[in-house]
C-alpha atoms as a PDB file:
ATOM      1  CA  MET A   1     -61.912-109.396-250.451  1.00  0.00           C
ATOM      2  CA  HIS A   2     -60.170-107.209-248.006  1.00  0.00           C
ATOM      3  CA  LYS A   3     -60.309-108.317-244.407  1.00  0.00           C
ATOM      4  CA  LEU A   4     -61.260-105.557-241.915  1.00  0.00           C
ATOM      5  CA  GLU A   5     -58.915-105.256-239.000  1.00  0.00           C
ATOM      6  CA  PRO A   6     -59.914-103.485-235.825  1.00  0.00           C
ATOM      7  CA  SER A   7     -58.204-100.152-235.761  1.00  0.00           C
ATOM      8  CA  MET A   8     -56.174 -99.378-232.701  1.00  0.00           C
ATOM      9  CA  LYS A   9     -56.952 -95.986-231.336  1.00  0.00           C
ATOM     10  CA  THR A  10     -53.967 -94.416-229.752  1.00  0.00           C
ATOM     11  CA  HIS A  11     -54.764 -91.830-227.188  1.00  0.00           C
ATOM     12  CA  THR A  12     -52.231 -89.092-226.747  1.00  0.00           C
ATOM     13  CA  ALA A  13     -52.833 -87.702-223.279  1.00  0.00           C
ATOM     14  CA  ASN A  14     -52.171 -84.086-222.694  1.00  0.00           C
ATOM     15  CA  THR A  15     -51.212 -82.618-219.328  1.00  0.00           C
ATOM     16  CA  TYR A  16     -54.777 -81.784-218.323  1.00  0.00           C
ATOM     17  CA  ASP A  17     -55.953 -85.352-218.965  1.00  0.00           C
ATOM     18  CA  LEU A  18     -53.102 -86.726-216.855  1.00  0.00           C
ATOM     19  CA  ILE A  19     -53.941 -84.381-213.970  1.00  0.00           C
ATOM     20  CA  VAL A  20     -57.646 -85.227-214.058  1.00  0.00           C
ATOM     21  CA  GLU A  21     -57.001 -88.962-214.184  1.00  0.00           C
ATOM     22  CA  SER A  22     -54.532 -88.820-211.292  1.00  0.00           C
ATOM     23  CA  GLU A  23     -56.791 -86.746-209.053  1.00  0.00           C
ATOM     24  CA  ASP A  24     -57.061 -88.229-205.590  1.00  0.00           C
ATOM     25  CA  LYS A  25     -60.511 -87.950-204.017  1.00  0.00           C
ATOM     26  CA  ASN A  26     -59.190 -87.986-200.429  1.00  0.00           C
ATOM     27  CA  ARG A  27     -56.789 -85.172-201.226  1.00  0.00           C
ATOM     28  CA  THR A  28     -59.608 -83.162-202.773  1.00  0.00           C
ATOM     29  CA  ALA A  29     -61.758 -83.575-199.664  1.00  0.00           C
ATOM     30  CA  LEU A  30     -58.848 -82.575-197.422  1.00  0.00           C
ATOM     31  CA  GLU A  31     -58.145 -79.486-199.533  1.00  0.00           C
ATOM     32  CA  THR A  32     -61.808 -78.499-199.310  1.00  0.00           C
ATOM     33  CA  VAL A  33     -61.751 -78.794-195.518  1.00  0.00           C
ATOM     34  CA  ILE A  34     -58.559 -76.734-195.304  1.00  0.00           C
ATOM     35  CA  TYR A  35     -59.964 -73.987-197.573  1.00  0.00           C
ATOM     36  CA  VAL A  36     -63.144 -73.822-195.471  1.00  0.00           C
ATOM     37  CA  LEU A  37     -61.047 -73.504-192.290  1.00  0.00           C
ATOM     38  CA  PHE A  38     -59.020 -70.660-193.830  1.00  0.00           C
ATOM     39  CA  ILE A  39     -62.186 -68.797-194.789  1.00  0.00           C
ATOM     40  CA  LEU A  40     -63.743 -69.335-191.360  1.00  0.00           C
ATOM     41  CA  SER A  41     -60.615 -68.092-189.598  1.00  0.00           C
ATOM     42  CA  ALA A  42     -60.662 -64.923-191.701  1.00  0.00           C
ATOM     43  CA  VAL A  43     -64.341 -64.350-190.913  1.00  0.00           C
ATOM     44  CA  VAL A  44     -63.789 -64.924-187.183  1.00  0.00           C
ATOM     45  CA  SER A  45     -60.867 -62.498-187.089  1.00  0.00           C
ATOM     46  CA  ILE A  46     -62.943 -59.825-188.851  1.00  0.00           C
ATOM     47  CA  LEU A  47     -65.820 -60.390-186.421  1.00  0.00           C
ATOM     48  CA  GLN A  48     -63.443 -59.972-183.466  1.00  0.00           C
ATOM     49  CA  PHE A  49     -62.607 -56.463-184.644  1.00  0.00           C
ATOM     50  CA  LEU A  50     -66.284 -55.661-185.212  1.00  0.00           C
ATOM     51  CA  VAL A  51     -67.300 -56.767-181.722  1.00  0.00           C
ATOM     52  CA  GLN A  52     -64.481 -54.970-179.888  1.00  0.00           C
ATOM     53  CA  PRO A  53     -65.628 -51.835-178.081  1.00  0.00           C
ATOM     54  CA  ILE A  54     -64.251 -48.605-179.446  1.00  0.00           C
ATOM     55  CA  VAL A  55     -62.671 -46.447-176.764  1.00  0.00           C
ATOM     56  CA  VAL A  56     -62.719 -42.795-177.747  1.00  0.00           C
ATOM     57  CA  PRO A  57     -60.537 -40.584-175.591  1.00  0.00           C
ATOM     58  CA  SER A  58     -62.282 -37.683-173.928  1.00  0.00           C
ATOM     59  CA  HIS A  59     -61.780 -34.166-175.181  1.00  0.00           C
ATOM     60  CA  THR A  60     -59.689 -33.316-172.117  1.00  0.00           C
ATOM     61  CA  ALA A  61     -57.152 -36.045-172.687  1.00  0.00           C
ATOM     62  CA  GLY A  62     -53.646 -34.781-172.281  1.00  0.00           C
ATOM     63  CA  PHE A  63     -54.636 -31.668-170.302  1.00  0.00           C
ATOM     64  CA  VAL A  64     -53.945 -31.111-166.645  1.00  0.00           C
ATOM     65  CA  SER A  65     -56.962 -31.786-164.521  1.00  0.00           C
ATOM     66  CA  ALA A  66     -58.905 -28.900-162.983  1.00  0.00           C
ATOM     67  CA  GLN A  67     -57.772 -29.859-159.502  1.00  0.00           C
ATOM     68  CA  THR A  68     -55.037 -27.698-158.155  1.00  0.00           C
ATOM     69  CA  GLY A  69     -52.013 -29.344-156.673  1.00  0.00           C
ATOM     70  CA  THR A  70     -50.099 -28.018-153.734  1.00  0.00           C
ATOM     71  CA  VAL A  71     -46.459 -27.389-154.188  1.00  0.00           C
ATOM     72  CA  THR A  72     -44.209 -27.308-151.187  1.00  0.00           C
ATOM     73  CA  ASN A  73     -40.839 -25.669-151.259  1.00  0.00           C
ATOM     74  CA  TYR A  74     -38.041 -27.422-149.487  1.00  0.00           C
ATOM     75  CA  ASN A  75     -35.012 -25.466-148.475  1.00  0.00           C
ATOM     76  CA  ILE A  76     -31.877 -27.418-148.271  1.00  0.00           C
END
């Protein structure tokens, strides 16, 4: 009779398998915290512009006021 030998399964790892197996959990948590901070900073900066008061110049901006000025002539 023929004796059965256990077959050796060779696993050829592709790039994706190597990346998944080498994934560091601490690094993943740190990246998540950093991404959340980036998003929060963007939201805060947008909110700063929304909260700022809008100053609209009056319709007389750039015109001389209605008050009359006195001009004095000096003779030299």
